[in-house]
Amino acid sequence: MLEVAGAIVRSAMTDDQGERMFVESPDAIAELRELVDQRLRTRPADYGWGFRTLFAIEGQFHMDQGIGSDGAAARPRLGRP
């Protein structure tokens, strides 16, 4: 279930209205942040998923995009992000 919540957050950040979810639901976002942090502490092998989700929660979508699905850093792109 936590994977679904993380996917929703990452997807919401690609939408112009996605930021509204973060502003209108601070308690839910704080709880999700804590759950992701707990997951990272108990299952460090999930660091790619966890960091992508935490970056999205913090509004750092460009960082979320910089980490591949396997947790490896993406190759830098030239030009504008």
C-alpha atoms as a PDB file:
ATOM      1  CA  MET A   1       0.000   0.000   0.000  1.00  0.00           C
ATOM      2  CA  LEU A   2       2.900   2.330   0.729  1.00  0.00           C
ATOM      3  CA  GLU A   3       4.113   1.823  -2.837  1.00  0.00           C
ATOM      4  CA  VAL A   4       0.753   3.055  -4.137  1.00  0.00           C
ATOM      5  CA  ALA A   5       0.865   6.155  -1.924  1.00  0.00           C
ATOM      6  CA  GLY A   6       4.394   6.904  -3.117  1.00  0.00           C
ATOM      7  CA  ALA A   7       3.359   6.493  -6.745  1.00  0.00           C
ATOM      8  CA  ILE A   8       0.436   8.873  -6.225  1.00  0.00           C
ATOM      9  CA  VAL A   9       2.715  11.518  -4.726  1.00  0.00           C
ATOM     10  CA  ARG A  10       5.284  11.181  -7.522  1.00  0.00           C
ATOM     11  CA  SER A  11       2.546  11.330 -10.144  1.00  0.00           C
ATOM     12  CA  ALA A  12       0.876  14.342  -8.525  1.00  0.00           C
ATOM     13  CA  MET A  13       4.077  16.326  -8.874  1.00  0.00           C
ATOM     14  CA  THR A  14       3.878  15.994 -12.658  1.00  0.00           C
ATOM     15  CA  ASP A  15       0.503  17.759 -12.672  1.00  0.00           C
ATOM     16  CA  ASP A  16       0.094  21.524 -12.386  1.00  0.00           C
ATOM     17  CA  GLN A  17      -2.505  21.014  -9.655  1.00  0.00           C
ATOM     18  CA  GLY A  18      -0.442  18.389  -7.828  1.00  0.00           C
ATOM     19  CA  GLU A  19       1.055  20.891  -5.421  1.00  0.00           C
ATOM     20  CA  ARG A  20      -2.448  21.580  -4.082  1.00  0.00           C
ATOM     21  CA  MET A  21      -2.488  18.081  -2.582  1.00  0.00           C
ATOM     22  CA  PHE A  22       0.567  18.945  -0.511  1.00  0.00           C
ATOM     23  CA  VAL A  23      -0.840  22.256   0.702  1.00  0.00           C
ATOM     24  CA  GLU A  24      -4.286  20.887   1.549  1.00  0.00           C
ATOM     25  CA  SER A  25      -3.115  17.662   3.220  1.00  0.00           C
ATOM     26  CA  PRO A  26      -0.120  18.495   5.425  1.00  0.00           C
ATOM     27  CA  ASP A  27      -0.937  15.845   8.048  1.00  0.00           C
ATOM     28  CA  ALA A  28      -1.277  13.075   5.472  1.00  0.00           C
ATOM     29  CA  ILE A  29       1.950  14.149   3.768  1.00  0.00           C
ATOM     30  CA  ALA A  30       3.788  14.229   7.115  1.00  0.00           C
ATOM     31  CA  GLU A  31       2.512  10.732   7.893  1.00  0.00           C
ATOM     32  CA  LEU A  32       3.587   9.458   4.479  1.00  0.00           C
ATOM     33  CA  ARG A  33       7.029  11.029   4.955  1.00  0.00           C
ATOM     34  CA  GLU A  34       7.382   9.193   8.292  1.00  0.00           C
ATOM     35  CA  LEU A  35       6.254   5.874   6.789  1.00  0.00           C
ATOM     36  CA  VAL A  36       8.738   6.192   3.925  1.00  0.00           C
ATOM     37  CA  ASP A  37      11.494   7.065   6.393  1.00  0.00           C
ATOM     38  CA  GLN A  38      10.632   3.979   8.471  1.00  0.00           C
ATOM     39  CA  ARG A  39      10.721   1.834   5.331  1.00  0.00           C
ATOM     40  CA  LEU A  40      14.177   3.155   4.471  1.00  0.00           C
ATOM     41  CA  ARG A  41      15.438   2.280   7.949  1.00  0.00           C
ATOM     42  CA  THR A  42      13.981  -1.233   7.945  1.00  0.00           C
ATOM     43  CA  ARG A  43      14.445  -2.101   4.262  1.00  0.00           C
ATOM     44  CA  PRO A  44      17.490  -0.205   2.982  1.00  0.00           C
ATOM     45  CA  ALA A  45      17.398  -2.186  -0.267  1.00  0.00           C
ATOM     46  CA  ASP A  46      14.363  -0.054  -1.206  1.00  0.00           C
ATOM     47  CA  TYR A  47      16.455   3.128  -1.159  1.00  0.00           C
ATOM     48  CA  GLY A  48      15.738   3.986  -4.812  1.00  0.00           C
ATOM     49  CA  TRP A  49      11.987   3.917  -4.310  1.00  0.00           C
ATOM     50  CA  GLY A  50      12.257   5.618  -0.934  1.00  0.00           C
ATOM     51  CA  PHE A  51      14.450   8.484  -2.069  1.00  0.00           C
ATOM     52  CA  ARG A  52      12.340   9.095  -5.195  1.00  0.00           C
ATOM     53  CA  THR A  53       9.254   9.306  -2.989  1.00  0.00           C
ATOM     54  CA  LEU A  54      10.898  11.568  -0.399  1.00  0.00           C
ATOM     55  CA  PHE A  55      12.168  13.900  -3.123  1.00  0.00           C
ATOM     56  CA  ALA A  56       8.649  14.107  -4.572  1.00  0.00           C
ATOM     57  CA  ILE A  57       7.164  14.785  -1.125  1.00  0.00           C
ATOM     58  CA  GLU A  58       9.611  17.643  -0.694  1.00  0.00           C
ATOM     59  CA  GLY A  59       8.707  19.043  -4.112  1.00  0.00           C
ATOM     60  CA  GLN A  60      12.096  18.169  -5.562  1.00  0.00           C
ATOM     61  CA  PHE A  61      10.631  16.501  -8.624  1.00  0.00           C
ATOM     62  CA  HIS A  62      13.780  17.126 -10.683  1.00  0.00           C
ATOM     63  CA  MET A  63      15.688  14.986  -8.154  1.00  0.00           C
ATOM     64  CA  ASP A  64      12.990  12.309  -8.286  1.00  0.00           C
ATOM     65  CA  GLN A  65      13.525  12.114 -12.047  1.00  0.00           C
ATOM     66  CA  GLY A  66      17.283  11.852 -11.554  1.00  0.00           C
ATOM     67  CA  ILE A  67      17.027   8.481  -9.833  1.00  0.00           C
ATOM     68  CA  GLY A  68      16.161   5.492 -11.976  1.00  0.00           C
ATOM     69  CA  SER A  69      13.711   2.782 -10.968  1.00  0.00           C
ATOM     70  CA  ASP A  70      16.645   0.638  -9.842  1.00  0.00           C
ATOM     71  CA  GLY A  71      17.954   3.420  -7.600  1.00  0.00           C
ATOM     72  CA  ALA A  72      20.859   4.311  -9.866  1.00  0.00           C
ATOM     73  CA  ALA A  73      21.444   7.926 -10.768  1.00  0.00           C
ATOM     74  CA  ALA A  74      20.262   8.820 -14.242  1.00  0.00           C
ATOM     75  CA  ARG A  75      22.756  10.143 -16.739  1.00  0.00           C
ATOM     76  CA  PRO A  76      22.802  13.928 -16.745  1.00  0.00           C
ATOM     77  CA  ARG A  77      21.078  15.645 -19.647  1.00  0.00           C
ATOM     78  CA  LEU A  78      22.509  18.624 -21.413  1.00  0.00           C
ATOM     79  CA  GLY A  79      20.399  21.737 -21.728  1.00  0.00           C
ATOM     80  CA  ARG A  80      17.300  22.636 -19.803  1.00  0.00           C
ATOM     81  CA  PRO A  81      15.801  20.066 -17.420  1.00  0.00           C
END
